[in-house]
C-alpha atoms as a PDB file:
ATOM      1  CA  MET A   1      93.833  75.557  73.297  1.00  0.00           C
ATOM      2  CA  ASN A   2      96.994  76.444  71.369  1.00  0.00           C
ATOM      3  CA  ARG A   3      96.500  80.125  72.261  1.00  0.00           C
ATOM      4  CA  ILE A   4      96.238  79.228  75.944  1.00  0.00           C
ATOM      5  CA  LYS A   5      99.477  77.149  75.765  1.00  0.00           C
ATOM      6  CA  LEU A   6     101.203  80.011  73.972  1.00  0.00           C
ATOM      7  CA  PHE A   7     100.043  82.565  76.615  1.00  0.00           C
ATOM      8  CA  PHE A   8     101.163  80.122  79.429  1.00  0.00           C
ATOM      9  CA  ASN A   9     104.597  79.615  77.878  1.00  0.00           C
ATOM     10  CA  ALA A  10     105.131  83.480  77.421  1.00  0.00           C
ATOM     11  CA  TYR A  11     103.849  84.023  81.082  1.00  0.00           C
ATOM     12  CA  ILE A  12     106.468  81.505  82.294  1.00  0.00           C
ATOM     13  CA  HIS A  13     109.449  82.042  80.037  1.00  0.00           C
ATOM     14  CA  HIS A  14     109.350  85.812  79.610  1.00  0.00           C
ATOM     15  CA  SER A  15     109.594  87.005  83.257  1.00  0.00           C
ATOM     16  CA  TYR A  16     105.943  88.008  83.661  1.00  0.00           C
ATOM     17  CA  HIS A  17     105.536  85.467  86.355  1.00  0.00           C
ATOM     18  CA  VAL A  18     108.273  87.152  88.427  1.00  0.00           C
ATOM     19  CA  ALA A  19     106.979  90.699  87.717  1.00  0.00           C
ATOM     20  CA  LEU A  20     103.498  89.683  88.795  1.00  0.00           C
ATOM     21  CA  MET A  21     104.959  88.210  92.038  1.00  0.00           C
ATOM     22  CA  VAL A  22     106.726  91.471  92.922  1.00  0.00           C
ATOM     23  CA  LEU A  23     103.579  93.538  92.078  1.00  0.00           C
ATOM     24  CA  SER A  24     101.590  91.322  94.409  1.00  0.00           C
ATOM     25  CA  TYR A  25     104.040  91.787  97.141  1.00  0.00           C
ATOM     26  CA  THR A  26     104.295  95.516  96.537  1.00  0.00           C
ATOM     27  CA  GLY A  27     100.429  95.719  96.759  1.00  0.00           C
ATOM     28  CA  LEU A  28     100.421  93.851  99.966  1.00  0.00           C
ATOM     29  CA  SER A  29     102.797  96.405 101.484  1.00  0.00           C
ATOM     30  CA  PHE A  30     100.837  99.368 100.434  1.00  0.00           C
ATOM     31  CA  ILE A  31      97.367  97.950 101.656  1.00  0.00           C
ATOM     32  CA  LEU A  32      98.810  96.599 105.007  1.00  0.00           C
ATOM     33  CA  TRP A  33     100.462  99.914 105.886  1.00  0.00           C
ATOM     34  CA  ASP A  34      97.729 101.929 104.366  1.00  0.00           C
ATOM     35  CA  MET A  35     100.123 103.957 102.298  1.00  0.00           C
ATOM     36  CA  PRO A  36      98.924 106.137  99.360  1.00  0.00           C
ATOM     37  CA  MET A  37      99.045 104.557  96.001  1.00  0.00           C
ATOM     38  CA  LYS A  38     100.226 106.391  92.733  1.00  0.00           C
ATOM     39  CA  LYS A  39     100.786 104.770  89.340  1.00  0.00           C
ATOM     40  CA  GLU A  40     104.533 105.261  89.654  1.00  0.00           C
ATOM     41  CA  THR A  41     104.887 103.643  93.041  1.00  0.00           C
ATOM     42  CA  VAL A  42     102.487 100.760  92.132  1.00  0.00           C
ATOM     43  CA  LEU A  43     103.513  99.969  88.718  1.00  0.00           C
ATOM     44  CA  LEU A  44     107.331 100.630  88.638  1.00  0.00           C
ATOM     45  CA  PRO A  45     108.309  97.453  90.718  1.00  0.00           C
ATOM     46  CA  TYR A  46     106.404  95.372  88.033  1.00  0.00           C
ATOM     47  CA  PHE A  47     108.437  96.845  85.115  1.00  0.00           C
ATOM     48  CA  LEU A  48     111.715  96.868  87.126  1.00  0.00           C
ATOM     49  CA  ALA A  49     111.178  93.193  88.140  1.00  0.00           C
ATOM     50  CA  PHE A  50     110.505  92.333  84.441  1.00  0.00           C
ATOM     51  CA  MET A  51     113.724  94.181  83.339  1.00  0.00           C
ATOM     52  CA  ALA A  52     115.881  92.675  85.986  1.00  0.00           C
ATOM     53  CA  TYR A  53     114.957  89.093  85.562  1.00  0.00           C
ATOM     54  CA  THR A  54     114.943  89.443  81.678  1.00  0.00           C
ATOM     55  CA  GLY A  55     118.414  90.839  81.987  1.00  0.00           C
ATOM     56  CA  VAL A  56     119.694  88.086  84.281  1.00  0.00           C
ATOM     57  CA  LYS A  57     118.342  85.476  81.841  1.00  0.00           C
ATOM     58  CA  LEU A  58     119.837  87.128  78.714  1.00  0.00           C
ATOM     59  CA  PHE A  59     123.278  88.070  80.228  1.00  0.00           C
ATOM     60  CA  PRO A  60     125.736  88.316  78.567  1.00  0.00           C
ATOM     61  CA  PHE A  61     123.432  89.453  75.934  1.00  0.00           C
ATOM     62  CA  ASN A  62     124.602  87.401  73.082  1.00  0.00           C
ATOM     63  CA  ARG A  63     121.220  85.716  72.410  1.00  0.00           C
ATOM     64  CA  SER A  64     119.268  86.383  69.197  1.00  0.00           C
ATOM     65  CA  LEU A  65     115.861  87.998  70.037  1.00  0.00           C
ATOM     66  CA  THR A  66     112.641  88.216  67.790  1.00  0.00           C
ATOM     67  CA  LEU A  67     111.614  91.591  66.935  1.00  0.00           C
ATOM     68  CA  ARG A  68     108.454  91.210  68.957  1.00  0.00           C
ATOM     69  CA  ARG A  69     110.603  90.296  72.111  1.00  0.00           C
ATOM     70  CA  LYS A  70     112.906  93.333  71.576  1.00  0.00           C
ATOM     71  CA  GLY A  71     109.758  95.598  71.428  1.00  0.00           C
ATOM     72  CA  VAL A  72     108.356  94.146  74.491  1.00  0.00           C
ATOM     73  CA  ILE A  73     111.585  94.730  76.357  1.00  0.00           C
ATOM     74  CA  GLY A  74     111.844  98.177  74.878  1.00  0.00           C
ATOM     75  CA  LEU A  75     108.379  99.158  76.018  1.00  0.00           C
ATOM     76  CA  HIS A  76     108.971  97.789  79.528  1.00  0.00           C
ATOM     77  CA  PHE A  77     112.295  99.757  79.701  1.00  0.00           C
ATOM     78  CA  ALA A  78     110.714 103.016  78.532  1.00  0.00           C
ATOM     79  CA  ALA A  79     107.780 102.705  81.030  1.00  0.00           C
ATOM     80  CA  ALA A  80     110.339 102.065  83.779  1.00  0.00           C
ATOM     81  CA  ILE A  81     112.371 105.190  82.979  1.00  0.00           C
ATOM     82  CA  PHE A  82     109.113 107.322  82.710  1.00  0.00           C
ATOM     83  CA  LEU A  83     107.914 106.261  86.118  1.00  0.00           C
ATOM     84  CA  PHE A  84     111.290 106.364  87.694  1.00  0.00           C
ATOM     85  CA  LEU A  85     111.471 110.047  86.922  1.00  0.00           C
ATOM     86  CA  MET A  86     108.368 110.680  88.684  1.00  0.00           C
ATOM     87  CA  LEU A  87     109.612 109.358  92.073  1.00  0.00           C
ATOM     88  CA  ASP A  88     110.678 111.182  95.099  1.00  0.00           C
ATOM     89  CA  PHE A  89     114.502 111.215  96.095  1.00  0.00           C
ATOM     90  CA  PHE A  90     114.218 108.356  98.717  1.00  0.00           C
ATOM     91  CA  ARG A  91     112.395 105.956  96.468  1.00  0.00           C
ATOM     92  CA  MET A  92     114.867 106.746  93.537  1.00  0.00           C
ATOM     93  CA  GLY A  93     117.638 105.796  95.996  1.00  0.00           C
ATOM     94  CA  ALA A  94     115.945 102.405  96.776  1.00  0.00           C
ATOM     95  CA  VAL A  95     115.590 101.630  93.025  1.00  0.00           C
ATOM     96  CA  VAL A  96     119.211 102.607  92.357  1.00  0.00           C
ATOM     97  CA  VAL A  97     120.510 100.363  95.098  1.00  0.00           C
ATOM     98  CA  ALA A  98     118.432  97.463  93.753  1.00  0.00           C
ATOM     99  CA  PHE A  99     119.792  98.248  90.171  1.00  0.00           C
ATOM    100  CA  PHE A 100     123.398  98.005  91.354  1.00  0.00           C
ATOM    101  CA  LEU A 101     122.983  94.828  93.311  1.00  0.00           C
ATOM    102  CA  THR A 102     121.394  93.251  90.202  1.00  0.00           C
ATOM    103  CA  VAL A 103     124.428  94.464  88.098  1.00  0.00           C
ATOM    104  CA  LEU A 104     126.880  92.941  90.686  1.00  0.00           C
ATOM    105  CA  TYR A 105     124.672  89.685  90.615  1.00  0.00           C
ATOM    106  CA  CYS A 106     125.580  89.464  86.814  1.00  0.00           C
ATOM    107  CA  ILE A 107     128.982  91.182  86.445  1.00  0.00           C
ATOM    108  CA  PRO A 108     131.987  90.642  88.701  1.00  0.00           C
ATOM    109  CA  LEU A 109     133.720  93.492  90.342  1.00  0.00           C
ATOM    110  CA  PRO A 110     137.189  94.542  88.663  1.00  0.00           C
ATOM    111  CA  PHE A 111     139.159  92.889  91.434  1.00  0.00           C
ATOM    112  CA  ALA A 112     136.858  89.597  91.565  1.00  0.00           C
ATOM    113  CA  SER A 113     137.027  86.663  89.192  1.00  0.00           C
ATOM    114  CA  LYS A 114     133.289  85.794  89.683  1.00  0.00           C
ATOM    115  CA  SER A 115     130.041  87.729  90.027  1.00  0.00           C
ATOM    116  CA  TRP A 116     128.064  87.726  93.175  1.00  0.00           C
ATOM    117  CA  ARG A 117     125.756  84.972  91.531  1.00  0.00           C
ATOM    118  CA  TYR A 118     128.563  82.473  92.184  1.00  0.00           C
ATOM    119  CA  GLN A 119     129.085  83.455  95.796  1.00  0.00           C
ATOM    120  CA  PRO A 120     126.585  81.039  97.576  1.00  0.00           C
ATOM    121  CA  PRO A 121     126.090  83.226 100.775  1.00  0.00           C
ATOM    122  CA  LEU A 122     125.706  86.467  98.658  1.00  0.00           C
ATOM    123  CA  LYS A 123     123.504  84.974  95.897  1.00  0.00           C
ATOM    124  CA  VAL A 124     120.293  84.384  97.902  1.00  0.00           C
ATOM    125  CA  LEU A 125     120.965  87.554 100.031  1.00  0.00           C
ATOM    126  CA  ILE A 126     121.072  89.826  96.991  1.00  0.00           C
ATOM    127  CA  VAL A 127     117.803  88.393  95.706  1.00  0.00           C
ATOM    128  CA  ALA A 128     116.133  88.778  98.907  1.00  0.00           C
ATOM    129  CA  LEU A 129     117.477  92.417  99.391  1.00  0.00           C
ATOM    130  CA  CYS A 130     116.413  93.457  95.940  1.00  0.00           C
ATOM    131  CA  TRP A 131     112.938  92.160  96.459  1.00  0.00           C
ATOM    132  CA  GLY A 132     112.863  93.710 100.003  1.00  0.00           C
ATOM    133  CA  LEU A 133     113.953  97.109  98.500  1.00  0.00           C
ATOM    134  CA  LEU A 134     111.225  96.889  95.939  1.00  0.00           C
ATOM    135  CA  THR A 135     108.415  95.504  97.850  1.00  0.00           C
ATOM    136  CA  VAL A 136     108.890  97.052 101.301  1.00  0.00           C
ATOM    137  CA  VAL A 137     111.241  99.800 101.364  1.00  0.00           C
ATOM    138  CA  PHE A 138     109.965 101.323  98.007  1.00  0.00           C
ATOM    139  CA  PRO A 139     106.256 101.256  98.888  1.00  0.00           C
ATOM    140  CA  LEU A 140     106.569 102.286 102.520  1.00  0.00           C
ATOM    141  CA  GLY A 141     109.306 105.082 101.806  1.00  0.00           C
ATOM    142  CA  VAL A 142     111.186 106.730 104.524  1.00  0.00           C
ATOM    143  CA  SER A 143     108.321 105.883 107.077  1.00  0.00           C
ATOM    144  CA  MET A 144     109.465 102.331 107.177  1.00  0.00           C
ATOM    145  CA  PHE A 145     112.365 103.478 109.414  1.00  0.00           C
ATOM    146  CA  SER A 146     110.157 105.385 111.728  1.00  0.00           C
ATOM    147  CA  SER A 147     109.145 102.305 113.776  1.00  0.00           C
ATOM    148  CA  VAL A 148     110.574  98.995 114.843  1.00  0.00           C
ATOM    149  CA  GLU A 149     107.702  97.417 113.253  1.00  0.00           C
ATOM    150  CA  GLY A 150     108.577  98.663 109.919  1.00  0.00           C
ATOM    151  CA  VAL A 151     111.930  97.144 110.137  1.00  0.00           C
ATOM    152  CA  LEU A 152     110.647  93.855 111.465  1.00  0.00           C
ATOM    153  CA  TYR A 153     108.195  93.782 108.523  1.00  0.00           C
ATOM    154  CA  PHE A 154     111.301  94.223 106.142  1.00  0.00           C
ATOM    155  CA  VAL A 155     113.067  91.346 107.716  1.00  0.00           C
ATOM    156  CA  GLN A 156     110.086  88.934 107.535  1.00  0.00           C
ATOM    157  CA  ARG A 157     109.792  89.822 103.858  1.00  0.00           C
ATOM    158  CA  LEU A 158     113.394  88.974 103.331  1.00  0.00           C
ATOM    159  CA  LEU A 159     112.810  85.647 105.088  1.00  0.00           C
ATOM    160  CA  LEU A 160     109.729  84.846 102.860  1.00  0.00           C
ATOM    161  CA  VAL A 161     111.705  85.611  99.587  1.00  0.00           C
ATOM    162  CA  PHE A 162     114.533  83.398 100.771  1.00  0.00           C
ATOM    163  CA  VAL A 163     112.050  80.473 101.254  1.00  0.00           C
ATOM    164  CA  ALA A 164     110.384  81.209  97.866  1.00  0.00           C
ATOM    165  CA  VAL A 165     113.806  80.782  96.116  1.00  0.00           C
ATOM    166  CA  LEU A 166     114.318  77.310  97.476  1.00  0.00           C
ATOM    167  CA  PRO A 167     111.782  75.330  95.499  1.00  0.00           C
ATOM    168  CA  PHE A 168     113.526  76.649  92.339  1.00  0.00           C
ATOM    169  CA  GLU A 169     116.869  75.677  93.525  1.00  0.00           C
ATOM    170  CA  ILE A 170     115.633  72.210  94.305  1.00  0.00           C
ATOM    171  CA  ALA A 171     113.903  71.927  90.830  1.00  0.00           C
ATOM    172  CA  ASP A 172     117.088  73.079  89.224  1.00  0.00           C
ATOM    173  CA  LEU A 173     119.480  70.871  91.151  1.00  0.00           C
ATOM    174  CA  HIS A 174     120.589  68.617  88.236  1.00  0.00           C
ATOM    175  CA  HIS A 175     120.798  71.552  85.930  1.00  0.00           C
ATOM    176  CA  ASP A 176     122.640  74.280  87.862  1.00  0.00           C
ATOM    177  CA  GLU A 177     126.261  74.717  87.632  1.00  0.00           C
ATOM    178  CA  ALA A 178     128.203  73.055  90.432  1.00  0.00           C
ATOM    179  CA  GLN A 179     129.983  76.324  91.167  1.00  0.00           C
ATOM    180  CA  LEU A 180     126.606  78.100  91.928  1.00  0.00           C
ATOM    181  CA  GLY A 181     126.775  76.284  95.362  1.00  0.00           C
ATOM    182  CA  THR A 182     122.973  76.282  95.947  1.00  0.00           C
ATOM    183  CA  LEU A 183     121.685  75.078  99.252  1.00  0.00           C
ATOM    184  CA  PRO A 184     120.463  71.709  97.649  1.00  0.00           C
ATOM    185  CA  GLN A 185     123.922  71.215  96.035  1.00  0.00           C
ATOM    186  CA  ARG A 186     125.601  71.818  99.268  1.00  0.00           C
ATOM    187  CA  PHE A 187     123.524  70.224 101.864  1.00  0.00           C
ATOM    188  CA  GLY A 188     121.039  68.101  99.869  1.00  0.00           C
ATOM    189  CA  VAL A 189     117.283  68.366  99.227  1.00  0.00           C
ATOM    190  CA  LEU A 190     115.970  67.198 102.710  1.00  0.00           C
ATOM    191  CA  ALA A 191     118.384  69.434 104.571  1.00  0.00           C
ATOM    192  CA  THR A 192     117.290  72.346 102.420  1.00  0.00           C
ATOM    193  CA  LYS A 193     113.632  71.685 103.176  1.00  0.00           C
ATOM    194  CA  LYS A 194     114.425  71.615 106.778  1.00  0.00           C
ATOM    195  CA  ILE A 195     116.279  74.905 106.768  1.00  0.00           C
ATOM    196  CA  GLY A 196     113.556  76.428 104.839  1.00  0.00           C
ATOM    197  CA  CYS A 197     110.913  75.371 107.253  1.00  0.00           C
ATOM    198  CA  TRP A 198     112.922  76.840 110.160  1.00  0.00           C
ATOM    199  CA  VAL A 199     113.150  80.112 108.256  1.00  0.00           C
ATOM    200  CA  VAL A 200     109.388  79.918 107.604  1.00  0.00           C
ATOM    201  CA  GLY A 201     108.764  79.503 111.396  1.00  0.00           C
ATOM    202  CA  LEU A 202     110.946  82.609 112.142  1.00  0.00           C
ATOM    203  CA  ALA A 203     108.881  84.624 109.640  1.00  0.00           C
ATOM    204  CA  VAL A 204     105.682  83.428 111.311  1.00  0.00           C
ATOM    205  CA  CYS A 205     107.034  84.489 114.684  1.00  0.00           C
ATOM    206  CA  LEU A 206     107.797  88.003 113.293  1.00  0.00           C
ATOM    207  CA  GLN A 207     104.325  88.063 111.640  1.00  0.00           C
ATOM    208  CA  LEU A 208     102.735  87.318 114.985  1.00  0.00           C
ATOM    209  CA  TRP A 209     104.697  89.994 116.672  1.00  0.00           C
ATOM    210  CA  LEU A 210     103.305  92.430 114.122  1.00  0.00           C
ATOM    211  CA  LEU A 211      99.927  91.365 114.524  1.00  0.00           C
ATOM    212  CA  PHE A 212      99.795  91.610 118.285  1.00  0.00           C
ATOM    213  CA  SER A 213     102.207  94.661 118.896  1.00  0.00           C
ATOM    214  CA  ALA A 214     101.136  96.945 115.881  1.00  0.00           C
ATOM    215  CA  ALA A 215      97.716  95.258 115.051  1.00  0.00           C
ATOM    216  CA  LEU A 216      98.983  94.974 111.556  1.00  0.00           C
ATOM    217  CA  PRO A 217      96.636  92.461 109.604  1.00  0.00           C
ATOM    218  CA  VAL A 218      99.253  89.986 108.505  1.00  0.00           C
ATOM    219  CA  TYR A 219      96.845  87.076 108.176  1.00  0.00           C
ATOM    220  CA  PRO A 220      97.562  87.044 104.250  1.00  0.00           C
ATOM    221  CA  GLU A 221     101.272  86.541 104.992  1.00  0.00           C
ATOM    222  CA  LEU A 222     100.565  83.921 107.666  1.00  0.00           C
ATOM    223  CA  LEU A 223      98.636  82.088 104.921  1.00  0.00           C
ATOM    224  CA  MET A 224     101.511  82.657 102.500  1.00  0.00           C
ATOM    225  CA  SER A 225     104.070  81.237 104.982  1.00  0.00           C
ATOM    226  CA  PHE A 226     102.022  77.932 105.185  1.00  0.00           C
ATOM    227  CA  LEU A 227     101.787  77.799 101.455  1.00  0.00           C
ATOM    228  CA  TYR A 228     105.571  78.331 101.029  1.00  0.00           C
ATOM    229  CA  ALA A 229     106.324  75.701 103.633  1.00  0.00           C
ATOM    230  CA  LEU A 230     103.824  73.246 101.831  1.00  0.00           C
ATOM    231  CA  PHE A 231     105.311  73.824  98.341  1.00  0.00           C
ATOM    232  CA  LEU A 232     108.896  73.660  99.677  1.00  0.00           C
ATOM    233  CA  TRP A 233     108.300  70.223 101.230  1.00  0.00           C
ATOM    234  CA  ARG A 234     106.690  68.925  98.212  1.00  0.00           C
ATOM    235  CA  SER A 235     109.496  70.253  95.979  1.00  0.00           C
ATOM    236  CA  GLN A 236     111.621  67.619  94.074  1.00  0.00           C
ATOM    237  CA  PRO A 237     114.420  68.007  91.441  1.00  0.00           C
ATOM    238  CA  ASN A 238     113.212  68.225  87.926  1.00  0.00           C
ATOM    239  CA  ARG A 239     109.707  69.081  89.224  1.00  0.00           C
ATOM    240  CA  SER A 240     107.162  70.480  86.398  1.00  0.00           C
ATOM    241  CA  PRO A 241     107.556  74.203  85.705  1.00  0.00           C
ATOM    242  CA  LEU A 242     103.742  74.367  86.362  1.00  0.00           C
ATOM    243  CA  PHE A 243     104.659  73.709  90.076  1.00  0.00           C
ATOM    244  CA  THR A 244     107.683  75.871  90.555  1.00  0.00           C
ATOM    245  CA  LEU A 245     107.190  78.772  88.139  1.00  0.00           C
ATOM    246  CA  PHE A 246     103.517  79.084  88.326  1.00  0.00           C
ATOM    247  CA  TRP A 247     102.027  77.905  91.637  1.00  0.00           C
ATOM    248  CA  VAL A 248     105.035  78.876  93.863  1.00  0.00           C
ATOM    249  CA  GLU A 249     105.237  82.361  92.464  1.00  0.00           C
ATOM    250  CA  ALA A 250     101.407  82.770  92.681  1.00  0.00           C
ATOM    251  CA  VAL A 251     101.532  82.609  96.467  1.00  0.00           C
ATOM    252  CA  PRO A 252     101.893  86.408  96.805  1.00  0.00           C
ATOM    253  CA  LEU A 253      99.002  86.974  94.465  1.00  0.00           C
ATOM    254  CA  VAL A 254      96.827  84.617  96.616  1.00  0.00           C
ATOM    255  CA  GLY A 255      97.905  86.729  99.756  1.00  0.00           C
ATOM    256  CA  LEU A 256      96.937  89.914  97.928  1.00  0.00           C
ATOM    257  CA  LEU A 257      93.550  88.783  96.798  1.00  0.00           C
ATOM    258  CA  ILE A 258      92.787  87.472 100.346  1.00  0.00           C
ATOM    259  CA  LEU A 259      93.597  90.701 101.775  1.00  0.00           C
ATOM    260  CA  ILE A 260      91.673  92.737  99.168  1.00  0.00           C
ATOM    261  CA  ILE A 261      88.601  90.457  99.746  1.00  0.00           C
ATOM    262  CA  PHE A 262      88.557  90.656 103.559  1.00  0.00           C
ATOM    263  CA  ASP A 263      89.727  94.292 103.660  1.00  0.00           C
ATOM    264  CA  ALA A 264      86.869  95.528 101.332  1.00  0.00           C
END
């Protein structure tokens, strides 16, 4: 029982849950669009997400780490560099853009007093863009821009990621710094839930458009939209980490498993 608890704590607190969520989203894009999968294009988003969220948590890097934790981070970093060097030029560009957005999320520009994390409109936008770059632009490559449907798929992914962030902002309402200006801080919990449900509705409209115009099997993402709306509506401040960090971030994995089962 203690081993299970240790495994769960490591999974939640060491960014593995985020990395698995990004990996699941990437897998959805590959399978839905019937893109060829290689180890560098499938695994790299996982390592990049782990490194990015670990970096955001540890910044400004003045926290003491155990030797084991340093080893895990070092292995992930080495794997990310190795896989990055195997990419084509376009995918390298997508990774570089996501990297610089992450840096700007943590570190303010020379002429700015705050990083983009403390700019409310930019904070969620950067998170959504980074996820969109890694889970849509990266797996689809340059072919994403060859059709309107590819761009619409990218937009609906941004909307889903936006909604996925909201339960965490609600759960951290009483712990976040006031200057972060999260949606629950600015508009309240109920208004945040309503905004999120409207965004889910817009994402569903785009998913239905893709279903009927491009015959894209988006039923996993329709299910995910419903789950996100359900979890968002049940979100409360100080909610258990099991609810936010585990179940909410397991939604893309559920979608991926549904797609694999019915696509087999």
